[in-house]
Amino acid sequence: MPEAAFHDDASRALRFATNVPGLSIIRVRAFDVATFVAFGAAHFGLAGNDVLMEFDFPEIYTPVDLGIGQCRISVAEPAELSANDDPATWSHVRIATKYPHVTRRYFEARGVQAECIKLNGAMELAPQLGLCQRIVDLVSSGRTLKENGLIEVATIAQVSTRLIVNRTAFKTRPATLAPWVNAFRSLVSPEAERAALA
């Protein structure tokens, strides 16, 4: 159980004690979780596989798909462009995204040169303001896209939250970390675990 400040929305603290000896919790931005774990500043964490795909840290072991936070990384473009657009004819695209590495890999595999413009938010504005014609972003319900005149034209990957562990820490401290991995694994239903492995 974390200390009370963890649940206090007014708290600006980033590290919290727990009632488990030797265990503390840190609060960092979603994109930073993988970096803290990869470099050993944290032994384990929770991150979407969108982040894992973008950074592709070999130092990270991903033992459990928790099956929560499900969404997708998609390519979207203005509805009026989509009416006469065939993605199979693309040879070069300019795309706004916070996933430049994922985006480039996806398009390179299809023989398309992707010029990525890195944005950290408000992706849906980029086509409206002439920055680019297409975006790559996380999509859940698609409502934000629709309200900004965009439609999905391709899905790059399905996304869910994963338990991630620093590989070196897992090898050198198995007695400490393996029980945590097993505890998280026990929270996932057998059906969800089978679906994640399929």
N, C-alpha and C. Protein backbone atom coordinates (compact mmCIF):
# COMPACT_ATOMS: atom_id res chain seq x y z
N MET A 1 0.84 -1.17 0.00
CA MET A 1 0.00 0.00 0.00
C MET A 1 0.89 1.25 0.00
N PRO A 2 0.67 2.19 -0.92
CA PRO A 2 1.50 3.40 -0.93
C PRO A 2 1.07 4.37 0.17
N GLU A 3 1.98 5.28 0.50
CA GLU A 3 1.66 6.29 1.51
C GLU A 3 0.53 7.18 1.01
N ALA A 4 -0.10 7.90 1.95
CA ALA A 4 -1.30 8.70 1.64
C ALA A 4 -1.06 9.73 0.55
N ALA A 5 0.13 10.29 0.48
CA ALA A 5 0.42 11.33 -0.52
C ALA A 5 0.24 10.83 -1.95
N PHE A 6 0.37 9.52 -2.15
CA PHE A 6 0.21 8.95 -3.49
C PHE A 6 -1.19 9.21 -4.04
N HIS A 7 -2.18 9.22 -3.16
CA HIS A 7 -3.57 9.41 -3.56
C HIS A 7 -4.03 10.87 -3.47
N ASP A 8 -3.12 11.75 -3.05
CA ASP A 8 -3.44 13.17 -2.88
C ASP A 8 -3.17 13.90 -4.21
N ASP A 9 -4.25 14.33 -4.87
CA ASP A 9 -4.10 15.02 -6.16
C ASP A 9 -3.32 16.33 -6.06
N ALA A 10 -3.27 16.91 -4.88
CA ALA A 10 -2.55 18.17 -4.69
C ALA A 10 -1.05 17.94 -4.48
N SER A 11 -0.65 16.71 -4.20
CA SER A 11 0.75 16.42 -3.93
C SER A 11 1.58 16.53 -5.21
N ARG A 12 2.74 17.14 -5.10
CA ARG A 12 3.67 17.24 -6.22
C ARG A 12 4.81 16.23 -6.08
N ALA A 13 4.72 15.36 -5.06
CA ALA A 13 5.75 14.35 -4.85
C ALA A 13 5.77 13.38 -6.03
N LEU A 14 6.96 12.82 -6.29
CA LEU A 14 7.12 11.87 -7.38
C LEU A 14 7.58 10.49 -6.91
N ARG A 15 7.99 10.41 -5.65
CA ARG A 15 8.41 9.13 -5.08
C ARG A 15 7.65 8.91 -3.79
N PHE A 16 7.16 7.67 -3.61
CA PHE A 16 6.30 7.38 -2.47
C PHE A 16 6.73 6.08 -1.79
N ALA A 17 6.73 6.11 -0.48
CA ALA A 17 7.01 4.91 0.31
C ALA A 17 5.79 3.99 0.27
N THR A 18 6.01 2.72 0.55
CA THR A 18 4.91 1.76 0.65
C THR A 18 5.05 0.98 1.96
N ASN A 19 4.07 0.14 2.25
CA ASN A 19 4.17 -0.68 3.45
C ASN A 19 4.96 -1.96 3.21
N VAL A 20 5.55 -2.09 2.02
CA VAL A 20 6.41 -3.23 1.70
C VAL A 20 7.86 -2.79 1.88
N PRO A 21 8.60 -3.42 2.78
CA PRO A 21 9.99 -3.02 3.01
C PRO A 21 10.81 -3.05 1.71
N GLY A 22 11.55 -1.97 1.48
CA GLY A 22 12.42 -1.89 0.31
C GLY A 22 11.73 -1.55 -0.99
N LEU A 23 10.41 -1.31 -0.96
CA LEU A 23 9.67 -0.99 -2.19
C LEU A 23 9.14 0.43 -2.13
N SER A 24 9.48 1.22 -3.13
CA SER A 24 8.88 2.54 -3.26
C SER A 24 8.31 2.65 -4.67
N ILE A 25 7.41 3.60 -4.85
CA ILE A 25 6.74 3.81 -6.13
C ILE A 25 7.15 5.19 -6.64
N ILE A 26 7.46 5.26 -7.93
CA ILE A 26 7.73 6.56 -8.54
C ILE A 26 6.62 6.86 -9.53
N ARG A 27 6.34 8.13 -9.70
CA ARG A 27 5.32 8.58 -10.66
C ARG A 27 6.03 9.40 -11.73
N VAL A 28 6.02 8.87 -12.97
CA VAL A 28 6.66 9.56 -14.09
C VAL A 28 5.71 9.52 -15.29
N ARG A 29 6.01 10.33 -16.27
CA ARG A 29 5.20 10.34 -17.49
C ARG A 29 5.28 8.99 -18.18
N ALA A 30 4.21 8.64 -18.90
CA ALA A 30 4.13 7.33 -19.56
C ALA A 30 5.35 7.06 -20.43
N PHE A 31 5.80 8.06 -21.18
CA PHE A 31 6.92 7.86 -22.09
C PHE A 31 8.24 7.68 -21.35
N ASP A 32 8.29 8.07 -20.07
CA ASP A 32 9.53 7.96 -19.31
C ASP A 32 9.66 6.65 -18.54
N VAL A 33 8.57 5.93 -18.37
CA VAL A 33 8.61 4.68 -17.60
C VAL A 33 9.65 3.73 -18.19
N ALA A 34 9.60 3.52 -19.50
CA ALA A 34 10.53 2.59 -20.14
C ALA A 34 11.98 3.02 -19.95
N THR A 35 12.25 4.31 -19.99
CA THR A 35 13.61 4.81 -19.81
C THR A 35 14.11 4.54 -18.40
N PHE A 36 13.28 4.81 -17.39
CA PHE A 36 13.68 4.54 -16.01
C PHE A 36 13.97 3.06 -15.81
N VAL A 37 13.15 2.19 -16.39
CA VAL A 37 13.36 0.75 -16.23
C VAL A 37 14.57 0.29 -17.04
N ALA A 38 14.70 0.73 -18.27
CA ALA A 38 15.81 0.29 -19.13
C ALA A 38 17.17 0.63 -18.53
N PHE A 39 17.26 1.80 -17.91
CA PHE A 39 18.54 2.23 -17.35
C PHE A 39 18.72 1.83 -15.89
N GLY A 40 17.79 1.05 -15.36
CA GLY A 40 17.95 0.49 -14.02
C GLY A 40 17.59 1.41 -12.88
N ALA A 41 17.03 2.58 -13.16
CA ALA A 41 16.62 3.48 -12.09
C ALA A 41 15.37 2.95 -11.39
N ALA A 42 14.60 2.14 -12.12
CA ALA A 42 13.46 1.41 -11.56
C ALA A 42 13.60 -0.04 -12.01
N HIS A 43 13.23 -0.97 -11.14
CA HIS A 43 13.36 -2.38 -11.51
C HIS A 43 12.21 -2.87 -12.37
N PHE A 44 11.02 -2.33 -12.13
CA PHE A 44 9.89 -2.70 -12.97
C PHE A 44 8.91 -1.55 -13.05
N GLY A 45 8.01 -1.64 -14.03
CA GLY A 45 7.03 -0.57 -14.23
C GLY A 45 5.90 -1.05 -15.11
N LEU A 46 4.97 -0.15 -15.36
CA LEU A 46 3.84 -0.42 -16.25
C LEU A 46 3.92 0.55 -17.42
N ALA A 47 3.86 0.02 -18.63
CA ALA A 47 3.96 0.86 -19.82
C ALA A 47 3.15 0.25 -20.95
N GLY A 48 2.62 1.11 -21.78
CA GLY A 48 1.93 0.64 -22.99
C GLY A 48 2.94 0.12 -23.99
N ASN A 49 2.55 -0.87 -24.77
CA ASN A 49 3.50 -1.37 -25.76
C ASN A 49 3.76 -0.36 -26.87
N ASP A 50 2.96 0.72 -26.95
CA ASP A 50 3.29 1.80 -27.88
C ASP A 50 4.63 2.43 -27.50
N VAL A 51 4.83 2.64 -26.20
CA VAL A 51 6.09 3.20 -25.70
C VAL A 51 7.23 2.21 -25.94
N LEU A 52 6.96 0.94 -25.67
CA LEU A 52 8.00 -0.08 -25.85
C LEU A 52 8.40 -0.19 -27.32
N MET A 53 7.43 -0.09 -28.22
CA MET A 53 7.73 -0.14 -29.65
C MET A 53 8.55 1.07 -30.09
N GLU A 54 8.23 2.23 -29.53
CA GLU A 54 8.92 3.46 -29.94
C GLU A 54 10.38 3.44 -29.49
N PHE A 55 10.64 3.00 -28.27
CA PHE A 55 12.00 3.05 -27.75
C PHE A 55 12.78 1.76 -27.99
N ASP A 56 12.11 0.62 -28.03
CA ASP A 56 12.73 -0.66 -28.36
C ASP A 56 14.01 -0.92 -27.56
N PHE A 57 13.93 -0.72 -26.24
CA PHE A 57 15.08 -0.95 -25.37
C PHE A 57 15.35 -2.44 -25.21
N PRO A 58 16.53 -2.93 -25.55
CA PRO A 58 16.82 -4.35 -25.35
C PRO A 58 16.93 -4.71 -23.86
N GLU A 59 17.11 -3.72 -23.01
CA GLU A 59 17.27 -3.96 -21.57
C GLU A 59 15.95 -4.27 -20.87
N ILE A 60 14.85 -4.21 -21.61
CA ILE A 60 13.54 -4.41 -21.00
C ILE A 60 12.98 -5.78 -21.34
N TYR A 61 12.53 -6.45 -20.29
CA TYR A 61 11.84 -7.74 -20.40
C TYR A 61 10.35 -7.45 -20.15
N THR A 62 9.47 -8.02 -20.96
CA THR A 62 8.03 -7.76 -20.88
C THR A 62 7.29 -9.07 -20.60
N PRO A 63 7.21 -9.47 -19.34
CA PRO A 63 6.65 -10.79 -19.04
C PRO A 63 5.13 -10.90 -19.03
N VAL A 64 4.41 -9.77 -18.85
CA VAL A 64 2.96 -9.86 -18.70
C VAL A 64 2.24 -8.76 -19.46
N ASP A 65 1.29 -9.16 -20.30
CA ASP A 65 0.35 -8.21 -20.92
C ASP A 65 -0.85 -8.15 -19.98
N LEU A 66 -1.07 -6.99 -19.38
CA LEU A 66 -2.15 -6.85 -18.41
C LEU A 66 -3.51 -6.72 -19.06
N GLY A 67 -3.53 -6.47 -20.37
CA GLY A 67 -4.80 -6.41 -21.09
C GLY A 67 -5.65 -5.20 -20.75
N ILE A 68 -5.05 -4.18 -20.15
CA ILE A 68 -5.80 -2.96 -19.81
C ILE A 68 -5.27 -1.80 -20.66
N GLY A 69 -6.04 -0.71 -20.69
CA GLY A 69 -5.62 0.45 -21.48
C GLY A 69 -5.58 0.16 -22.96
N GLN A 70 -6.49 -0.68 -23.42
CA GLN A 70 -6.44 -1.10 -24.81
C GLN A 70 -6.85 0.02 -25.77
N CYS A 71 -6.03 0.17 -26.80
CA CYS A 71 -6.29 1.14 -27.87
C CYS A 71 -5.45 0.71 -29.06
N ARG A 72 -5.16 1.61 -29.99
CA ARG A 72 -4.37 1.23 -31.15
C ARG A 72 -3.58 2.45 -31.65
N ILE A 73 -2.48 2.17 -32.32
CA ILE A 73 -1.73 3.22 -33.03
C ILE A 73 -2.24 3.19 -34.46
N SER A 74 -2.75 4.33 -34.92
CA SER A 74 -3.37 4.37 -36.25
C SER A 74 -2.86 5.54 -37.07
N VAL A 75 -2.99 5.38 -38.39
CA VAL A 75 -2.75 6.45 -39.35
C VAL A 75 -4.12 7.07 -39.63
N ALA A 76 -4.20 8.39 -39.59
CA ALA A 76 -5.46 9.08 -39.88
C ALA A 76 -5.19 10.25 -40.81
N GLU A 77 -6.22 10.61 -41.55
CA GLU A 77 -6.12 11.74 -42.48
C GLU A 77 -7.49 12.42 -42.58
N PRO A 78 -7.53 13.63 -43.13
CA PRO A 78 -8.81 14.32 -43.28
C PRO A 78 -9.78 13.50 -44.12
N ALA A 79 -11.05 13.52 -43.71
CA ALA A 79 -12.08 12.74 -44.40
C ALA A 79 -12.16 13.09 -45.88
N GLU A 80 -12.03 14.38 -46.22
CA GLU A 80 -12.13 14.78 -47.63
C GLU A 80 -10.97 14.25 -48.46
N LEU A 81 -9.79 14.10 -47.84
CA LEU A 81 -8.63 13.53 -48.54
C LEU A 81 -8.84 12.03 -48.73
N SER A 82 -9.38 11.38 -47.73
CA SER A 82 -9.56 9.94 -47.75
C SER A 82 -10.51 9.47 -48.85
N ALA A 83 -11.45 10.31 -49.23
CA ALA A 83 -12.44 9.93 -50.23
C ALA A 83 -11.79 9.53 -51.56
N ASN A 84 -10.65 10.16 -51.89
CA ASN A 84 -9.98 9.87 -53.17
C ASN A 84 -8.54 9.40 -52.97
N ASP A 85 -8.25 8.85 -51.79
CA ASP A 85 -6.88 8.49 -51.46
C ASP A 85 -6.75 6.98 -51.33
N ASP A 86 -5.73 6.42 -51.95
CA ASP A 86 -5.46 4.99 -51.84
C ASP A 86 -4.08 4.81 -51.21
N PRO A 87 -4.02 4.33 -49.95
CA PRO A 87 -2.71 4.16 -49.29
C PRO A 87 -1.73 3.30 -50.08
N ALA A 88 -2.24 2.42 -50.94
CA ALA A 88 -1.36 1.56 -51.74
C ALA A 88 -0.54 2.36 -52.75
N THR A 89 -0.96 3.59 -53.05
CA THR A 89 -0.23 4.42 -54.03
C THR A 89 0.76 5.38 -53.38
N TRP A 90 0.82 5.40 -52.06
CA TRP A 90 1.73 6.34 -51.38
C TRP A 90 3.19 5.96 -51.63
N SER A 91 4.02 6.95 -51.90
CA SER A 91 5.47 6.72 -51.99
C SER A 91 6.21 7.60 -50.98
N HIS A 92 5.61 8.72 -50.63
CA HIS A 92 6.18 9.64 -49.65
C HIS A 92 5.03 10.26 -48.86
N VAL A 93 5.16 10.28 -47.54
CA VAL A 93 4.14 10.91 -46.71
C VAL A 93 4.81 11.79 -45.66
N ARG A 94 4.16 12.88 -45.33
CA ARG A 94 4.59 13.73 -44.20
C ARG A 94 3.56 13.51 -43.10
N ILE A 95 4.06 13.13 -41.93
CA ILE A 95 3.17 12.72 -40.85
C ILE A 95 3.58 13.37 -39.54
N ALA A 96 2.60 13.90 -38.82
CA ALA A 96 2.82 14.40 -37.47
C ALA A 96 2.56 13.25 -36.50
N THR A 97 3.48 13.06 -35.55
CA THR A 97 3.34 11.95 -34.62
C THR A 97 4.26 12.12 -33.42
N LYS A 98 3.92 11.46 -32.32
CA LYS A 98 4.86 11.36 -31.22
C LYS A 98 5.58 10.01 -31.26
N TYR A 99 5.34 9.26 -32.34
CA TYR A 99 5.96 7.95 -32.55
C TYR A 99 6.77 7.93 -33.85
N PRO A 100 7.82 8.73 -33.98
CA PRO A 100 8.55 8.77 -35.25
C PRO A 100 9.22 7.45 -35.62
N HIS A 101 9.76 6.71 -34.64
CA HIS A 101 10.42 5.45 -34.96
C HIS A 101 9.43 4.39 -35.40
N VAL A 102 8.33 4.27 -34.67
CA VAL A 102 7.28 3.31 -35.05
C VAL A 102 6.75 3.65 -36.43
N THR A 103 6.51 4.93 -36.67
CA THR A 103 5.95 5.38 -37.95
C THR A 103 6.90 5.08 -39.10
N ARG A 104 8.17 5.43 -38.95
CA ARG A 104 9.14 5.16 -40.02
C ARG A 104 9.24 3.67 -40.32
N ARG A 105 9.32 2.85 -39.27
CA ARG A 105 9.43 1.39 -39.49
C ARG A 105 8.20 0.86 -40.23
N TYR A 106 7.03 1.32 -39.82
CA TYR A 106 5.79 0.86 -40.44
C TYR A 106 5.79 1.19 -41.94
N PHE A 107 6.11 2.44 -42.27
CA PHE A 107 6.07 2.85 -43.68
C PHE A 107 7.22 2.27 -44.49
N GLU A 108 8.41 2.15 -43.89
CA GLU A 108 9.55 1.55 -44.60
C GLU A 108 9.22 0.12 -45.02
N ALA A 109 8.52 -0.61 -44.15
CA ALA A 109 8.15 -1.99 -44.48
C ALA A 109 7.19 -2.06 -45.66
N ARG A 110 6.57 -0.93 -45.99
CA ARG A 110 5.63 -0.86 -47.12
C ARG A 110 6.23 -0.10 -48.30
N GLY A 111 7.52 0.22 -48.23
CA GLY A 111 8.19 0.91 -49.32
C GLY A 111 7.82 2.38 -49.45
N VAL A 112 7.38 2.97 -48.34
CA VAL A 112 6.96 4.37 -48.34
C VAL A 112 7.93 5.18 -47.48
N GLN A 113 8.40 6.31 -48.01
CA GLN A 113 9.27 7.19 -47.25
C GLN A 113 8.40 8.06 -46.36
N ALA A 114 8.65 8.02 -45.04
CA ALA A 114 7.86 8.80 -44.09
C ALA A 114 8.70 9.94 -43.53
N GLU A 115 8.25 11.14 -43.77
CA GLU A 115 8.86 12.33 -43.18
C GLU A 115 8.06 12.63 -41.92
N CYS A 116 8.67 12.42 -40.75
CA CYS A 116 7.95 12.55 -39.49
C CYS A 116 8.21 13.89 -38.82
N ILE A 117 7.14 14.52 -38.43
CA ILE A 117 7.20 15.76 -37.66
C ILE A 117 6.81 15.41 -36.23
N LYS A 118 7.76 15.55 -35.29
CA LYS A 118 7.52 15.13 -33.91
C LYS A 118 6.67 16.15 -33.18
N LEU A 119 5.52 15.70 -32.70
CA LEU A 119 4.66 16.49 -31.83
C LEU A 119 4.36 15.67 -30.59
N ASN A 120 4.09 16.34 -29.48
CA ASN A 120 3.78 15.63 -28.25
C ASN A 120 2.31 15.68 -27.89
N GLY A 121 1.51 16.41 -28.65
CA GLY A 121 0.08 16.49 -28.38
C GLY A 121 -0.60 17.30 -29.46
N ALA A 122 -1.93 17.38 -29.38
CA ALA A 122 -2.74 18.13 -30.34
C ALA A 122 -2.44 17.72 -31.78
N MET A 123 -2.19 16.44 -31.96
CA MET A 123 -1.85 15.91 -33.29
C MET A 123 -2.92 16.23 -34.32
N GLU A 124 -4.18 16.20 -33.88
CA GLU A 124 -5.30 16.37 -34.80
C GLU A 124 -5.32 17.75 -35.46
N LEU A 125 -4.63 18.72 -34.87
CA LEU A 125 -4.57 20.07 -35.45
C LEU A 125 -3.63 20.15 -36.66
N ALA A 126 -2.66 19.25 -36.71
CA ALA A 126 -1.61 19.34 -37.75
C ALA A 126 -2.18 19.38 -39.16
N PRO A 127 -3.11 18.49 -39.55
CA PRO A 127 -3.66 18.59 -40.91
C PRO A 127 -4.50 19.85 -41.12
N GLN A 128 -5.23 20.26 -40.09
CA GLN A 128 -6.08 21.46 -40.21
C GLN A 128 -5.25 22.71 -40.48
N LEU A 129 -4.04 22.76 -39.89
CA LEU A 129 -3.21 23.95 -40.01
C LEU A 129 -2.14 23.84 -41.10
N GLY A 130 -2.22 22.77 -41.90
CA GLY A 130 -1.31 22.63 -43.03
C GLY A 130 0.07 22.13 -42.69
N LEU A 131 0.28 21.64 -41.49
CA LEU A 131 1.59 21.12 -41.12
C LEU A 131 1.89 19.82 -41.87
N CYS A 132 0.86 19.03 -42.08
CA CYS A 132 0.97 17.76 -42.79
C CYS A 132 -0.44 17.34 -43.21
N GLN A 133 -0.54 16.23 -43.95
CA GLN A 133 -1.86 15.73 -44.33
C GLN A 133 -2.32 14.57 -43.45
N ARG A 134 -1.36 13.90 -42.80
CA ARG A 134 -1.70 12.71 -42.04
C ARG A 134 -1.05 12.73 -40.66
N ILE A 135 -1.63 11.95 -39.75
CA ILE A 135 -1.07 11.82 -38.42
C ILE A 135 -0.99 10.33 -38.07
N VAL A 136 -0.11 10.02 -37.12
CA VAL A 136 -0.08 8.70 -36.48
C VAL A 136 -0.22 8.97 -34.99
N ASP A 137 -1.25 8.38 -34.39
CA ASP A 137 -1.52 8.65 -32.98
C ASP A 137 -2.27 7.48 -32.35
N LEU A 138 -2.38 7.53 -31.02
CA LEU A 138 -3.20 6.55 -30.31
C LEU A 138 -4.66 6.85 -30.56
N VAL A 139 -5.43 5.80 -30.77
CA VAL A 139 -6.88 5.94 -30.98
C VAL A 139 -7.57 4.92 -30.08
N SER A 140 -8.59 5.39 -29.39
CA SER A 140 -9.40 4.49 -28.58
C SER A 140 -10.78 4.36 -29.20
N SER A 141 -11.61 5.37 -28.97
CA SER A 141 -12.96 5.33 -29.55
C SER A 141 -13.01 5.94 -30.95
N GLY A 142 -12.06 6.80 -31.27
CA GLY A 142 -12.06 7.51 -32.55
C GLY A 142 -12.83 8.82 -32.50
N ARG A 143 -13.37 9.16 -31.35
CA ARG A 143 -14.18 10.38 -31.22
C ARG A 143 -13.38 11.65 -31.50
N THR A 144 -12.16 11.72 -30.95
CA THR A 144 -11.33 12.92 -31.16
C THR A 144 -11.01 13.10 -32.64
N LEU A 145 -10.71 12.00 -33.32
CA LEU A 145 -10.45 12.09 -34.76
C LEU A 145 -11.68 12.63 -35.47
N LYS A 146 -12.82 12.03 -35.19
CA LYS A 146 -14.07 12.43 -35.87
C LYS A 146 -14.39 13.89 -35.63
N GLU A 147 -14.24 14.35 -34.39
CA GLU A 147 -14.55 15.74 -34.07
C GLU A 147 -13.59 16.73 -34.73
N ASN A 148 -12.46 16.22 -35.22
CA ASN A 148 -11.50 17.07 -35.91
C ASN A 148 -11.41 16.75 -37.39
N GLY A 149 -12.45 16.08 -37.92
CA GLY A 149 -12.55 15.84 -39.36
C GLY A 149 -11.59 14.81 -39.92
N LEU A 150 -11.10 13.90 -39.06
CA LEU A 150 -10.15 12.89 -39.50
C LEU A 150 -10.77 11.50 -39.43
N ILE A 151 -10.25 10.61 -40.27
CA ILE A 151 -10.68 9.21 -40.20
C ILE A 151 -9.44 8.31 -40.24
N GLU A 152 -9.56 7.16 -39.61
CA GLU A 152 -8.48 6.18 -39.63
C GLU A 152 -8.39 5.53 -41.00
N VAL A 153 -7.17 5.40 -41.51
CA VAL A 153 -6.98 4.72 -42.78
C VAL A 153 -6.11 3.47 -42.64
N ALA A 154 -5.45 3.32 -41.50
CA ALA A 154 -4.64 2.11 -41.27
C ALA A 154 -4.36 1.98 -39.77
N THR A 155 -4.29 0.73 -39.32
CA THR A 155 -3.90 0.45 -37.94
C THR A 155 -2.48 -0.11 -37.95
N ILE A 156 -1.61 0.53 -37.20
CA ILE A 156 -0.22 0.08 -37.13
C ILE A 156 -0.06 -1.04 -36.10
N ALA A 157 -0.67 -0.88 -34.92
CA ALA A 157 -0.54 -1.89 -33.87
C ALA A 157 -1.63 -1.73 -32.83
N GLN A 158 -2.00 -2.85 -32.22
CA GLN A 158 -2.88 -2.83 -31.05
C GLN A 158 -2.02 -2.54 -29.83
N VAL A 159 -2.58 -1.82 -28.86
CA VAL A 159 -1.82 -1.38 -27.69
C VAL A 159 -2.54 -1.80 -26.42
N SER A 160 -1.76 -2.23 -25.44
CA SER A 160 -2.27 -2.49 -24.09
C SER A 160 -1.13 -2.28 -23.10
N THR A 161 -1.45 -2.26 -21.83
CA THR A 161 -0.46 -2.02 -20.79
C THR A 161 0.29 -3.31 -20.46
N ARG A 162 1.60 -3.20 -20.34
CA ARG A 162 2.46 -4.34 -20.04
C ARG A 162 3.23 -4.10 -18.74
N LEU A 163 3.51 -5.19 -18.03
CA LEU A 163 4.48 -5.15 -16.94
C LEU A 163 5.84 -5.25 -17.59
N ILE A 164 6.73 -4.32 -17.26
CA ILE A 164 8.07 -4.35 -17.81
C ILE A 164 9.08 -4.46 -16.67
N VAL A 165 10.17 -5.17 -16.93
CA VAL A 165 11.18 -5.43 -15.92
C VAL A 165 12.56 -5.20 -16.52
N ASN A 166 13.46 -4.63 -15.74
CA ASN A 166 14.84 -4.48 -16.18
C ASN A 166 15.47 -5.88 -16.23
N ARG A 167 16.00 -6.26 -17.39
CA ARG A 167 16.54 -7.61 -17.58
C ARG A 167 17.66 -7.95 -16.59
N THR A 168 18.58 -7.01 -16.39
CA THR A 168 19.69 -7.27 -15.48
C THR A 168 19.19 -7.46 -14.06
N ALA A 169 18.28 -6.61 -13.62
CA ALA A 169 17.74 -6.75 -12.27
C ALA A 169 17.01 -8.07 -12.11
N PHE A 170 16.29 -8.49 -13.16
CA PHE A 170 15.54 -9.75 -13.08
C PHE A 170 16.49 -10.95 -12.96
N LYS A 171 17.64 -10.86 -13.62
CA LYS A 171 18.62 -11.96 -13.55
C LYS A 171 19.38 -11.96 -12.23
N THR A 172 19.68 -10.77 -11.72
CA THR A 172 20.50 -10.68 -10.51
C THR A 172 19.68 -10.68 -9.22
N ARG A 173 18.37 -10.38 -9.32
CA ARG A 173 17.53 -10.35 -8.12
C ARG A 173 16.24 -11.15 -8.34
N PRO A 174 16.36 -12.40 -8.80
CA PRO A 174 15.14 -13.17 -9.09
C PRO A 174 14.27 -13.42 -7.86
N ALA A 175 14.87 -13.59 -6.71
CA ALA A 175 14.07 -13.86 -5.51
C ALA A 175 13.20 -12.67 -5.14
N THR A 176 13.65 -11.48 -5.49
CA THR A 176 12.88 -10.26 -5.19
C THR A 176 11.86 -9.97 -6.28
N LEU A 177 12.26 -10.10 -7.55
CA LEU A 177 11.40 -9.66 -8.64
C LEU A 177 10.45 -10.72 -9.19
N ALA A 178 10.85 -11.98 -9.18
CA ALA A 178 9.97 -13.04 -9.72
C ALA A 178 8.61 -13.09 -9.00
N PRO A 179 8.55 -12.95 -7.67
CA PRO A 179 7.23 -12.95 -7.02
C PRO A 179 6.32 -11.81 -7.50
N TRP A 180 6.92 -10.66 -7.82
CA TRP A 180 6.11 -9.55 -8.34
C TRP A 180 5.57 -9.88 -9.73
N VAL A 181 6.42 -10.47 -10.56
CA VAL A 181 5.97 -10.87 -11.90
C VAL A 181 4.84 -11.88 -11.77
N ASN A 182 5.01 -12.85 -10.89
CA ASN A 182 3.97 -13.86 -10.70
C ASN A 182 2.68 -13.27 -10.15
N ALA A 183 2.82 -12.27 -9.26
CA ALA A 183 1.63 -11.62 -8.71
C ALA A 183 0.86 -10.89 -9.81
N PHE A 184 1.56 -10.18 -10.67
CA PHE A 184 0.89 -9.50 -11.79
C PHE A 184 0.29 -10.52 -12.76
N ARG A 185 1.02 -11.59 -13.00
CA ARG A 185 0.52 -12.63 -13.90
C ARG A 185 -0.77 -13.23 -13.37
N SER A 186 -0.86 -13.38 -12.06
CA SER A 186 -2.06 -13.98 -11.45
C SER A 186 -3.28 -13.07 -11.58
N LEU A 187 -3.06 -11.77 -11.81
CA LEU A 187 -4.16 -10.83 -11.97
C LEU A 187 -4.81 -10.92 -13.35
N VAL A 188 -4.07 -11.49 -14.29
CA VAL A 188 -4.57 -11.59 -15.66
C VAL A 188 -5.32 -12.90 -15.81
N SER A 189 -6.53 -12.82 -16.33
CA SER A 189 -7.32 -14.04 -16.51
C SER A 189 -6.63 -14.97 -17.50
N PRO A 190 -6.82 -16.28 -17.36
CA PRO A 190 -6.21 -17.21 -18.32
C PRO A 190 -6.62 -16.91 -19.76
N GLU A 191 -7.86 -16.47 -19.97
CA GLU A 191 -8.32 -16.15 -21.33
C GLU A 191 -7.54 -14.97 -21.90
N ALA A 192 -7.35 -13.93 -21.06
CA ALA A 192 -6.63 -12.75 -21.52
C ALA A 192 -5.16 -13.09 -21.81
N GLU A 193 -4.58 -13.93 -20.96
CA GLU A 193 -3.19 -14.32 -21.17
C GLU A 193 -3.03 -15.11 -22.46
N ARG A 194 -3.97 -16.03 -22.74
CA ARG A 194 -3.91 -16.80 -23.99
C ARG A 194 -4.06 -15.89 -25.20
N ALA A 195 -4.98 -14.91 -25.10
CA ALA A 195 -5.19 -13.97 -26.21
C ALA A 195 -3.95 -13.13 -26.44
N ALA A 196 -3.25 -12.75 -25.36
CA ALA A 196 -2.05 -11.94 -25.49
C ALA A 196 -0.93 -12.72 -26.16
N LEU A 197 -0.91 -14.03 -25.94
CA LEU A 197 0.15 -14.86 -26.53
C LEU A 197 -0.16 -15.26 -27.96
N ALA A 198 -1.44 -15.16 -28.37
CA ALA A 198 -1.83 -15.59 -29.71
C ALA A 198 -1.34 -14.65 -30.79
